Amino acid sequence: MTDNTPRLTLRCQFCDTWNRVDASRAASRPKCGHCSRPILLDRPWVLNEETFERTIAETDVPVLVDFYADWCGPCKMMAPSVDQLAAAHTGTALVAKLNTDLAPATSQRFQVRGIPTTIVFRAGKESARVTGAVPYAELKRLIE
């Protein structure tokens, strides 16, 4: 018997335990299976060099990753739209952020040459990309 329920694979930001979350329950604030702290998926999920690959590869819903830097003005301008997208697509997509200053190897591997760069992954593979600050409607179009 196989279970075809879409799942998200995430490492708990508190205890570093990997969790498989049923996507249909993402809005219900699921808890980490180890520390029982909430896994908040209504906001962008923070990825890093260690968590990026497994999260992208093992998450069954589309994953939109905002490649950004804290010092980047256009990134700061786009952040509220990324936050809004995460809240609007909880359970149907995973909206994530990757700080390019803290993850240079991943940024280089995906040839991120300008920030913000937004990449959508489906089934672990890049399916869409846009570079530069874009409005909410463009981000929504990318993920749908």
N, C-alpha and C. Protein backbone atom coordinates (compact mmCIF):
# COMPACT_ATOMS: atom_id res chain seq x y z
N MET A 1 0.84 -1.18 0.00
CA MET A 1 0.00 0.00 0.00
C MET A 1 0.89 1.24 0.00
N THR A 2 0.66 2.16 -0.93
CA THR A 2 1.45 3.38 -0.98
C THR A 2 0.59 4.57 -0.59
N ASP A 3 1.20 5.50 0.05
CA ASP A 3 0.52 6.72 0.47
C ASP A 3 0.94 7.83 -0.48
N ASN A 4 -0.01 8.39 -1.21
CA ASN A 4 0.29 9.44 -2.18
C ASN A 4 0.08 10.84 -1.63
N THR A 5 -0.01 10.97 -0.31
CA THR A 5 -0.20 12.26 0.31
C THR A 5 1.05 13.11 0.11
N PRO A 6 0.92 14.32 -0.45
CA PRO A 6 2.10 15.18 -0.60
C PRO A 6 2.67 15.56 0.77
N ARG A 7 3.98 15.53 0.85
CA ARG A 7 4.65 15.82 2.12
C ARG A 7 5.76 16.85 1.91
N LEU A 8 6.08 17.53 2.99
CA LEU A 8 7.20 18.45 3.03
C LEU A 8 8.26 17.85 3.93
N THR A 9 9.50 17.94 3.53
CA THR A 9 10.60 17.44 4.36
C THR A 9 11.37 18.64 4.87
N LEU A 10 11.38 18.80 6.20
CA LEU A 10 11.95 19.98 6.81
C LEU A 10 12.75 19.61 8.05
N ARG A 11 13.83 20.34 8.29
CA ARG A 11 14.58 20.14 9.53
C ARG A 11 14.12 21.18 10.54
N CYS A 12 13.72 20.73 11.71
CA CYS A 12 13.24 21.61 12.77
C CYS A 12 14.27 22.70 13.06
N GLN A 13 13.80 23.93 13.11
CA GLN A 13 14.71 25.04 13.36
C GLN A 13 15.15 25.14 14.81
N PHE A 14 14.53 24.34 15.69
CA PHE A 14 14.89 24.37 17.10
C PHE A 14 15.82 23.23 17.50
N CYS A 15 15.52 21.99 17.04
CA CYS A 15 16.30 20.83 17.50
C CYS A 15 17.05 20.12 16.37
N ASP A 16 16.91 20.59 15.12
CA ASP A 16 17.59 20.04 13.94
C ASP A 16 17.15 18.63 13.55
N THR A 17 16.00 18.17 14.05
CA THR A 17 15.46 16.87 13.66
C THR A 17 14.70 17.01 12.35
N TRP A 18 14.92 16.06 11.43
CA TRP A 18 14.18 16.07 10.16
C TRP A 18 12.77 15.57 10.40
N ASN A 19 11.80 16.23 9.76
CA ASN A 19 10.38 15.89 9.87
C ASN A 19 9.76 15.77 8.49
N ARG A 20 8.82 14.84 8.34
CA ARG A 20 7.98 14.74 7.12
C ARG A 20 6.61 15.24 7.53
N VAL A 21 6.17 16.33 6.93
CA VAL A 21 4.91 16.97 7.29
C VAL A 21 3.89 16.74 6.18
N ASP A 22 2.73 16.27 6.54
CA ASP A 22 1.63 16.10 5.60
C ASP A 22 1.23 17.50 5.12
N ALA A 23 1.32 17.75 3.81
CA ALA A 23 1.06 19.08 3.26
C ALA A 23 -0.36 19.56 3.58
N SER A 24 -1.32 18.66 3.63
CA SER A 24 -2.70 19.07 3.90
C SER A 24 -2.88 19.55 5.34
N ARG A 25 -1.92 19.26 6.20
CA ARG A 25 -1.99 19.67 7.60
C ARG A 25 -1.06 20.85 7.90
N ALA A 26 -0.40 21.39 6.88
CA ALA A 26 0.59 22.44 7.09
C ALA A 26 0.01 23.68 7.76
N ALA A 27 -1.22 24.03 7.44
CA ALA A 27 -1.83 25.22 8.03
C ALA A 27 -2.25 25.01 9.48
N SER A 28 -2.26 23.77 9.95
CA SER A 28 -2.67 23.44 11.32
C SER A 28 -1.52 23.52 12.32
N ARG A 29 -0.44 24.14 11.91
CA ARG A 29 0.74 24.30 12.76
C ARG A 29 1.22 22.96 13.32
N PRO A 30 1.71 22.08 12.44
CA PRO A 30 2.21 20.79 12.92
C PRO A 30 3.39 20.99 13.87
N LYS A 31 3.67 19.97 14.65
CA LYS A 31 4.76 20.04 15.62
C LYS A 31 5.88 19.09 15.24
N CYS A 32 7.07 19.45 15.64
CA CYS A 32 8.24 18.59 15.42
C CYS A 32 8.02 17.27 16.17
N GLY A 33 8.35 16.18 15.51
CA GLY A 33 8.20 14.86 16.11
C GLY A 33 9.14 14.61 17.27
N HIS A 34 10.18 15.43 17.42
CA HIS A 34 11.15 15.23 18.50
C HIS A 34 10.94 16.21 19.65
N CYS A 35 10.92 17.51 19.35
CA CYS A 35 10.85 18.51 20.42
C CYS A 35 9.45 19.10 20.63
N SER A 36 8.50 18.76 19.76
CA SER A 36 7.11 19.21 19.84
C SER A 36 6.92 20.72 19.66
N ARG A 37 7.93 21.41 19.17
CA ARG A 37 7.77 22.84 18.90
C ARG A 37 7.11 23.01 17.54
N PRO A 38 6.43 24.12 17.32
CA PRO A 38 5.67 24.30 16.08
C PRO A 38 6.56 24.45 14.85
N ILE A 39 6.10 23.88 13.75
CA ILE A 39 6.73 24.05 12.44
C ILE A 39 5.85 25.04 11.70
N LEU A 40 6.30 26.29 11.66
CA LEU A 40 5.49 27.39 11.13
C LEU A 40 5.70 27.53 9.64
N LEU A 41 4.71 27.10 8.87
CA LEU A 41 4.83 27.08 7.42
C LEU A 41 4.05 28.20 6.74
N ASP A 42 3.49 29.10 7.54
CA ASP A 42 2.77 30.24 6.98
C ASP A 42 3.69 31.45 6.79
N ARG A 43 4.97 31.20 6.90
CA ARG A 43 6.01 32.20 6.66
C ARG A 43 7.16 31.52 5.94
N PRO A 44 8.04 32.28 5.31
CA PRO A 44 9.14 31.63 4.57
C PRO A 44 10.00 30.76 5.49
N TRP A 45 10.33 29.58 4.99
CA TRP A 45 11.16 28.62 5.72
C TRP A 45 12.62 28.93 5.41
N VAL A 46 13.43 29.05 6.43
CA VAL A 46 14.84 29.39 6.24
C VAL A 46 15.64 28.13 5.92
N LEU A 47 16.32 28.17 4.78
CA LEU A 47 17.20 27.08 4.37
C LEU A 47 18.65 27.52 4.52
N ASN A 48 19.55 26.53 4.55
CA ASN A 48 20.98 26.82 4.57
C ASN A 48 21.71 25.76 3.75
N GLU A 49 23.03 25.79 3.75
CA GLU A 49 23.81 24.84 2.95
C GLU A 49 23.47 23.39 3.31
N GLU A 50 23.26 23.13 4.60
CA GLU A 50 23.01 21.77 5.07
C GLU A 50 21.59 21.27 4.75
N THR A 51 20.62 22.15 4.76
CA THR A 51 19.22 21.72 4.63
C THR A 51 18.66 21.85 3.21
N PHE A 52 19.31 22.63 2.37
CA PHE A 52 18.76 22.95 1.05
C PHE A 52 18.47 21.70 0.22
N GLU A 53 19.45 20.89 -0.02
CA GLU A 53 19.33 19.77 -0.96
C GLU A 53 18.23 18.79 -0.56
N ARG A 54 18.25 18.36 0.69
CA ARG A 54 17.26 17.37 1.13
C ARG A 54 15.85 17.95 1.11
N THR A 55 15.70 19.21 1.55
CA THR A 55 14.38 19.84 1.55
C THR A 55 13.82 19.91 0.14
N ILE A 56 14.63 20.34 -0.81
CA ILE A 56 14.20 20.48 -2.20
C ILE A 56 13.88 19.10 -2.80
N ALA A 57 14.76 18.14 -2.58
CA ALA A 57 14.62 16.82 -3.19
C ALA A 57 13.46 16.01 -2.63
N GLU A 58 13.16 16.16 -1.34
CA GLU A 58 12.18 15.30 -0.69
C GLU A 58 10.85 15.97 -0.38
N THR A 59 10.64 17.19 -0.88
CA THR A 59 9.36 17.86 -0.69
C THR A 59 8.52 17.66 -1.94
N ASP A 60 7.29 17.20 -1.74
CA ASP A 60 6.42 16.81 -2.86
C ASP A 60 5.67 17.98 -3.51
N VAL A 61 5.54 19.10 -2.81
CA VAL A 61 4.87 20.27 -3.38
C VAL A 61 5.94 21.19 -3.98
N PRO A 62 5.55 22.12 -4.83
CA PRO A 62 6.54 23.06 -5.38
C PRO A 62 7.23 23.84 -4.25
N VAL A 63 8.52 24.10 -4.46
CA VAL A 63 9.30 24.86 -3.48
C VAL A 63 9.82 26.12 -4.17
N LEU A 64 9.39 27.28 -3.67
CA LEU A 64 9.88 28.55 -4.18
C LEU A 64 10.96 29.03 -3.23
N VAL A 65 12.17 29.28 -3.76
CA VAL A 65 13.28 29.73 -2.92
C VAL A 65 13.66 31.14 -3.32
N ASP A 66 13.65 32.02 -2.34
CA ASP A 66 14.09 33.40 -2.49
C ASP A 66 15.56 33.45 -2.09
N PHE A 67 16.46 33.60 -3.07
CA PHE A 67 17.89 33.77 -2.81
C PHE A 67 18.09 35.26 -2.54
N TYR A 68 18.54 35.60 -1.35
CA TYR A 68 18.59 37.00 -0.92
C TYR A 68 19.85 37.26 -0.08
N ALA A 69 20.04 38.52 0.30
CA ALA A 69 21.07 38.90 1.27
C ALA A 69 20.48 39.99 2.15
N ASP A 70 20.90 40.03 3.41
CA ASP A 70 20.36 41.00 4.36
C ASP A 70 20.64 42.44 3.95
N TRP A 71 21.74 42.69 3.28
CA TRP A 71 22.14 44.05 2.91
C TRP A 71 21.48 44.54 1.62
N CYS A 72 20.76 43.69 0.91
CA CYS A 72 20.23 43.98 -0.42
C CYS A 72 18.91 44.76 -0.34
N GLY A 73 18.91 45.99 -0.86
CA GLY A 73 17.71 46.82 -0.86
C GLY A 73 16.54 46.21 -1.61
N PRO A 74 16.72 45.75 -2.86
CA PRO A 74 15.62 45.12 -3.58
C PRO A 74 15.09 43.86 -2.87
N CYS A 75 15.98 43.14 -2.18
CA CYS A 75 15.53 41.96 -1.43
C CYS A 75 14.60 42.38 -0.30
N LYS A 76 14.96 43.46 0.38
CA LYS A 76 14.12 43.97 1.47
C LYS A 76 12.77 44.45 0.94
N MET A 77 12.78 45.07 -0.25
CA MET A 77 11.53 45.53 -0.85
C MET A 77 10.61 44.36 -1.20
N MET A 78 11.19 43.24 -1.61
CA MET A 78 10.41 42.08 -2.04
C MET A 78 9.97 41.20 -0.87
N ALA A 79 10.61 41.32 0.28
CA ALA A 79 10.34 40.44 1.43
C ALA A 79 8.86 40.39 1.83
N PRO A 80 8.13 41.50 1.88
CA PRO A 80 6.71 41.39 2.25
C PRO A 80 5.90 40.54 1.26
N SER A 81 6.25 40.58 -0.01
CA SER A 81 5.55 39.76 -1.00
C SER A 81 5.86 38.28 -0.81
N VAL A 82 7.11 37.98 -0.44
CA VAL A 82 7.50 36.59 -0.17
C VAL A 82 6.75 36.09 1.06
N ASP A 83 6.66 36.93 2.08
CA ASP A 83 5.90 36.58 3.29
C ASP A 83 4.43 36.32 2.96
N GLN A 84 3.85 37.20 2.15
CA GLN A 84 2.44 37.07 1.76
C GLN A 84 2.22 35.77 0.97
N LEU A 85 3.15 35.44 0.09
CA LEU A 85 3.05 34.22 -0.70
C LEU A 85 3.08 32.98 0.19
N ALA A 86 3.96 32.99 1.19
CA ALA A 86 4.04 31.85 2.11
C ALA A 86 2.72 31.65 2.85
N ALA A 87 2.13 32.73 3.30
CA ALA A 87 0.85 32.63 4.02
C ALA A 87 -0.27 32.15 3.10
N ALA A 88 -0.27 32.63 1.87
CA ALA A 88 -1.34 32.28 0.93
C ALA A 88 -1.23 30.86 0.39
N HIS A 89 -0.03 30.29 0.37
CA HIS A 89 0.17 28.97 -0.23
C HIS A 89 0.59 27.90 0.78
N THR A 90 0.28 28.12 2.06
CA THR A 90 0.61 27.14 3.09
C THR A 90 -0.05 25.80 2.74
N GLY A 91 0.75 24.78 2.58
CA GLY A 91 0.23 23.45 2.28
C GLY A 91 0.21 23.11 0.80
N THR A 92 0.16 24.11 -0.06
CA THR A 92 0.17 23.84 -1.51
C THR A 92 1.54 24.08 -2.12
N ALA A 93 2.39 24.80 -1.40
CA ALA A 93 3.76 25.06 -1.83
C ALA A 93 4.57 25.37 -0.58
N LEU A 94 5.87 25.22 -0.69
CA LEU A 94 6.77 25.63 0.38
C LEU A 94 7.51 26.86 -0.11
N VAL A 95 7.38 27.95 0.61
CA VAL A 95 8.10 29.18 0.30
C VAL A 95 9.28 29.23 1.25
N ALA A 96 10.48 29.36 0.70
CA ALA A 96 11.70 29.32 1.50
C ALA A 96 12.63 30.47 1.13
N LYS A 97 13.58 30.72 2.02
CA LYS A 97 14.59 31.75 1.80
C LYS A 97 15.97 31.15 2.01
N LEU A 98 16.92 31.62 1.21
CA LEU A 98 18.31 31.19 1.36
C LEU A 98 19.19 32.43 1.29
N ASN A 99 19.90 32.70 2.38
CA ASN A 99 20.80 33.85 2.44
C ASN A 99 22.07 33.50 1.65
N THR A 100 22.28 34.20 0.54
CA THR A 100 23.41 33.88 -0.34
C THR A 100 24.75 34.12 0.33
N ASP A 101 24.82 35.04 1.28
CA ASP A 101 26.08 35.29 1.99
C ASP A 101 26.45 34.12 2.89
N LEU A 102 25.45 33.41 3.40
CA LEU A 102 25.68 32.28 4.30
C LEU A 102 25.69 30.93 3.57
N ALA A 103 25.32 30.95 2.29
CA ALA A 103 25.26 29.71 1.50
C ALA A 103 25.90 29.93 0.13
N PRO A 104 27.18 30.27 0.09
CA PRO A 104 27.81 30.58 -1.20
C PRO A 104 27.91 29.37 -2.14
N ALA A 105 28.11 28.18 -1.61
CA ALA A 105 28.24 27.00 -2.48
C ALA A 105 26.92 26.70 -3.20
N THR A 106 25.81 26.77 -2.48
CA THR A 106 24.51 26.52 -3.09
C THR A 106 24.19 27.62 -4.10
N SER A 107 24.46 28.85 -3.74
CA SER A 107 24.21 29.97 -4.65
C SER A 107 25.02 29.81 -5.94
N GLN A 108 26.26 29.40 -5.80
CA GLN A 108 27.12 29.21 -6.98
C GLN A 108 26.62 28.02 -7.81
N ARG A 109 26.22 26.96 -7.16
CA ARG A 109 25.75 25.77 -7.88
C ARG A 109 24.54 26.08 -8.76
N PHE A 110 23.68 26.99 -8.30
CA PHE A 110 22.51 27.36 -9.08
C PHE A 110 22.74 28.64 -9.89
N GLN A 111 24.00 29.04 -9.99
CA GLN A 111 24.42 30.18 -10.81
C GLN A 111 23.62 31.43 -10.49
N VAL A 112 23.47 31.71 -9.21
CA VAL A 112 22.80 32.94 -8.78
C VAL A 112 23.83 34.06 -8.89
N ARG A 113 23.62 34.92 -9.86
CA ARG A 113 24.58 35.99 -10.13
C ARG A 113 24.07 37.35 -9.70
N GLY A 114 22.77 37.45 -9.45
CA GLY A 114 22.17 38.70 -8.98
C GLY A 114 21.10 38.36 -7.97
N ILE A 115 20.90 39.27 -7.03
CA ILE A 115 19.87 39.03 -6.03
C ILE A 115 18.93 40.22 -5.99
N PRO A 116 17.71 39.99 -5.65
CA PRO A 116 17.12 38.69 -5.36
C PRO A 116 16.95 37.84 -6.62
N THR A 117 17.13 36.55 -6.46
CA THR A 117 16.80 35.58 -7.49
C THR A 117 15.79 34.62 -6.87
N THR A 118 14.73 34.35 -7.59
CA THR A 118 13.70 33.44 -7.10
C THR A 118 13.66 32.24 -8.03
N ILE A 119 13.81 31.04 -7.43
CA ILE A 119 13.78 29.81 -8.21
C ILE A 119 12.69 28.90 -7.64
N VAL A 120 11.90 28.31 -8.55
CA VAL A 120 10.88 27.34 -8.15
C VAL A 120 11.39 25.96 -8.53
N PHE A 121 11.29 25.03 -7.59
CA PHE A 121 11.69 23.64 -7.80
C PHE A 121 10.45 22.76 -7.74
N ARG A 122 10.35 21.85 -8.68
CA ARG A 122 9.29 20.84 -8.68
C ARG A 122 9.96 19.49 -8.83
N ALA A 123 9.61 18.55 -7.97
CA ALA A 123 10.21 17.21 -7.97
C ALA A 123 11.74 17.30 -7.91
N GLY A 124 12.24 18.27 -7.15
CA GLY A 124 13.67 18.41 -6.95
C GLY A 124 14.42 19.11 -8.06
N LYS A 125 13.74 19.52 -9.11
CA LYS A 125 14.39 20.14 -10.28
C LYS A 125 13.89 21.57 -10.46
N GLU A 126 14.79 22.44 -10.93
CA GLU A 126 14.41 23.82 -11.22
C GLU A 126 13.37 23.85 -12.33
N SER A 127 12.28 24.59 -12.10
CA SER A 127 11.23 24.68 -13.12
C SER A 127 10.96 26.12 -13.56
N ALA A 128 11.37 27.09 -12.76
CA ALA A 128 11.16 28.49 -13.12
C ALA A 128 12.15 29.34 -12.35
N ARG A 129 12.47 30.51 -12.94
CA ARG A 129 13.44 31.40 -12.31
C ARG A 129 13.17 32.84 -12.76
N VAL A 130 13.38 33.76 -11.83
CA VAL A 130 13.35 35.19 -12.16
C VAL A 130 14.40 35.87 -11.30
N THR A 131 15.12 36.82 -11.90
CA THR A 131 16.12 37.59 -11.17
C THR A 131 15.66 39.02 -11.07
N GLY A 132 15.83 39.59 -9.90
CA GLY A 132 15.40 40.95 -9.63
C GLY A 132 14.15 40.95 -8.78
N ALA A 133 13.89 42.11 -8.18
CA ALA A 133 12.69 42.25 -7.34
C ALA A 133 11.46 42.23 -8.23
N VAL A 134 10.51 41.40 -7.88
CA VAL A 134 9.27 41.29 -8.64
C VAL A 134 8.09 41.43 -7.68
N PRO A 135 6.94 41.89 -8.18
CA PRO A 135 5.77 42.04 -7.32
C PRO A 135 5.14 40.69 -6.98
N TYR A 136 4.23 40.73 -6.02
CA TYR A 136 3.54 39.53 -5.55
C TYR A 136 2.91 38.75 -6.70
N ALA A 137 2.27 39.43 -7.62
CA ALA A 137 1.58 38.75 -8.73
C ALA A 137 2.55 37.90 -9.54
N GLU A 138 3.76 38.37 -9.72
CA GLU A 138 4.77 37.60 -10.48
C GLU A 138 5.22 36.37 -9.69
N LEU A 139 5.41 36.53 -8.39
CA LEU A 139 5.78 35.39 -7.55
C LEU A 139 4.67 34.34 -7.56
N LYS A 140 3.44 34.79 -7.46
CA LYS A 140 2.29 33.88 -7.48
C LYS A 140 2.23 33.12 -8.81
N ARG A 141 2.47 33.82 -9.91
CA ARG A 141 2.47 33.19 -11.23
C ARG A 141 3.56 32.12 -11.32
N LEU A 142 4.72 32.40 -10.76
CA LEU A 142 5.82 31.44 -10.79
C LEU A 142 5.45 30.13 -10.09
N ILE A 143 4.78 30.23 -8.97
CA ILE A 143 4.51 29.04 -8.18
C ILE A 143 3.28 28.28 -8.65
N GLU A 144 2.40 28.96 -9.39
CA GLU A 144 1.20 28.29 -9.88
C GLU A 144 1.46 27.82 -11.28
